[in-house]
Amino acid sequence: MNRTPWNTAVLKRVTLKMIQVL
């Protein structure tokens, strides 16, 4: 996860968007 910090940010944004849609 440390070598791909952008992945965490993307996942977090996607999760937030999914929650908003739901």
PDB file of N, CA and C in Angstrom:
ATOM      1  N   MET A   1       0.843  -1.202   0.000  1.00  0.00           N
ATOM      2  CA  MET A   1       0.000   0.000   0.000  1.00  0.00           C
ATOM      3  C   MET A   1       0.878   1.252   0.000  1.00  0.00           C
ATOM      4  N   ASN A   2       2.022   1.157   0.678  1.00  0.00           N
ATOM      5  CA  ASN A   2       2.905   2.321   0.775  1.00  0.00           C
ATOM      6  C   ASN A   2       3.470   2.669  -0.594  1.00  0.00           C
ATOM      7  N   ARG A   3       3.743   1.646  -1.394  1.00  0.00           N
ATOM      8  CA  ARG A   3       4.336   1.915  -2.707  1.00  0.00           C
ATOM      9  C   ARG A   3       3.286   2.439  -3.686  1.00  0.00           C
ATOM     10  N   THR A   4       2.025   2.353  -3.318  1.00  0.00           N
ATOM     11  CA  THR A   4       0.967   2.887  -4.194  1.00  0.00           C
ATOM     12  C   THR A   4      -0.005   3.725  -3.370  1.00  0.00           C
ATOM     13  N   PRO A   5       0.428   4.886  -2.918  1.00  0.00           N
ATOM     14  CA  PRO A   5      -0.435   5.756  -2.102  1.00  0.00           C
ATOM     15  C   PRO A   5      -1.621   6.306  -2.892  1.00  0.00           C
ATOM     16  N   TRP A   6      -1.408   6.489  -4.205  1.00  0.00           N
ATOM     17  CA  TRP A   6      -2.497   7.037  -5.027  1.00  0.00           C
ATOM     18  C   TRP A   6      -3.670   6.052  -5.066  1.00  0.00           C
ATOM     19  N   ASN A   7      -3.348   4.761  -4.986  1.00  0.00           N
ATOM     20  CA  ASN A   7      -4.402   3.749  -5.026  1.00  0.00           C
ATOM     21  C   ASN A   7      -5.361   3.939  -3.857  1.00  0.00           C
ATOM     22  N   THR A   8      -4.806   4.222  -2.682  1.00  0.00           N
ATOM     23  CA  THR A   8      -5.655   4.413  -1.497  1.00  0.00           C
ATOM     24  C   THR A   8      -6.573   5.608  -1.692  1.00  0.00           C
ATOM     25  N   ALA A   9      -6.021   6.701  -2.216  1.00  0.00           N
ATOM     26  CA  ALA A   9      -6.827   7.915  -2.422  1.00  0.00           C
ATOM     27  C   ALA A   9      -7.949   7.615  -3.421  1.00  0.00           C
ATOM     28  N   VAL A  10      -7.610   6.903  -4.484  1.00  0.00           N
ATOM     29  CA  VAL A  10      -8.622   6.585  -5.502  1.00  0.00           C
ATOM     30  C   VAL A  10      -9.724   5.718  -4.890  1.00  0.00           C
ATOM     31  N   LEU A  11      -9.308   4.716  -4.132  1.00  0.00           N
ATOM     32  CA  LEU A  11     -10.300   3.826  -3.514  1.00  0.00           C
ATOM     33  C   LEU A  11     -11.202   4.610  -2.573  1.00  0.00           C
ATOM     34  N   LYS A  12     -10.586   5.525  -1.816  1.00  0.00           N
ATOM     35  CA  LYS A  12     -11.368   6.316  -0.861  1.00  0.00           C
ATOM     36  C   LYS A  12     -12.381   7.171  -1.614  1.00  0.00           C
ATOM     37  N   ARG A  13     -11.955   7.769  -2.711  1.00  0.00           N
ATOM     38  CA  ARG A  13     -12.880   8.624  -3.482  1.00  0.00           C
ATOM     39  C   ARG A  13     -13.992   7.783  -4.078  1.00  0.00           C
ATOM     40  N   VAL A  14     -13.637   6.632  -4.592  1.00  0.00           N
ATOM     41  CA  VAL A  14     -14.654   5.754  -5.192  1.00  0.00           C
ATOM     42  C   VAL A  14     -15.664   5.329  -4.131  1.00  0.00           C
ATOM     43  N   THR A  15     -15.151   5.008  -2.949  1.00  0.00           N
ATOM     44  CA  THR A  15     -16.048   4.584  -1.865  1.00  0.00           C
ATOM     45  C   THR A  15     -16.996   5.711  -1.495  1.00  0.00           C
ATOM     46  N   LEU A  16     -16.451   6.922  -1.384  1.00  0.00           N
ATOM     47  CA  LEU A  16     -17.293   8.069  -1.030  1.00  0.00           C
ATOM     48  C   LEU A  16     -18.349   8.290  -2.104  1.00  0.00           C
ATOM     49  N   LYS A  17     -17.958   8.153  -3.362  1.00  0.00           N
ATOM     50  CA  LYS A  17     -18.918   8.360  -4.458  1.00  0.00           C
ATOM     51  C   LYS A  17     -19.999   7.288  -4.399  1.00  0.00           C
ATOM     52  N   MET A  18     -19.589   6.047  -4.135  1.00  0.00           N
ATOM     53  CA  MET A  18     -20.562   4.952  -4.057  1.00  0.00           C
ATOM     54  C   MET A  18     -21.558   5.221  -2.937  1.00  0.00           C
ATOM     55  N   ILE A  19     -21.036   5.658  -1.790  1.00  0.00           N
ATOM     56  CA  ILE A  19     -21.916   5.942  -0.647  1.00  0.00           C
ATOM     57  C   ILE A  19     -22.883   7.064  -1.007  1.00  0.00           C
ATOM     58  N   GLN A  20     -22.380   8.070  -1.702  1.00  0.00           N
ATOM     59  CA  GLN A  20     -23.253   9.198  -2.083  1.00  0.00           C
ATOM     60  C   GLN A  20     -24.356   8.711  -3.020  1.00  0.00           C
ATOM     61  N   VAL A  21     -23.988   7.856  -3.963  1.00  0.00           N
ATOM     62  CA  VAL A  21     -24.979   7.342  -4.915  1.00  0.00           C
ATOM     63  C   VAL A  21     -26.034   6.530  -4.165  1.00  0.00           C
ATOM     64  N   LEU A  22     -25.574   5.705  -3.233  1.00  0.00           N
ATOM     65  CA  LEU A  22     -26.514   4.879  -2.477  1.00  0.00           C
ATOM     66  C   LEU A  22     -27.379   5.758  -1.587  1.00  0.00           C
TER      67      LEU A  22
END
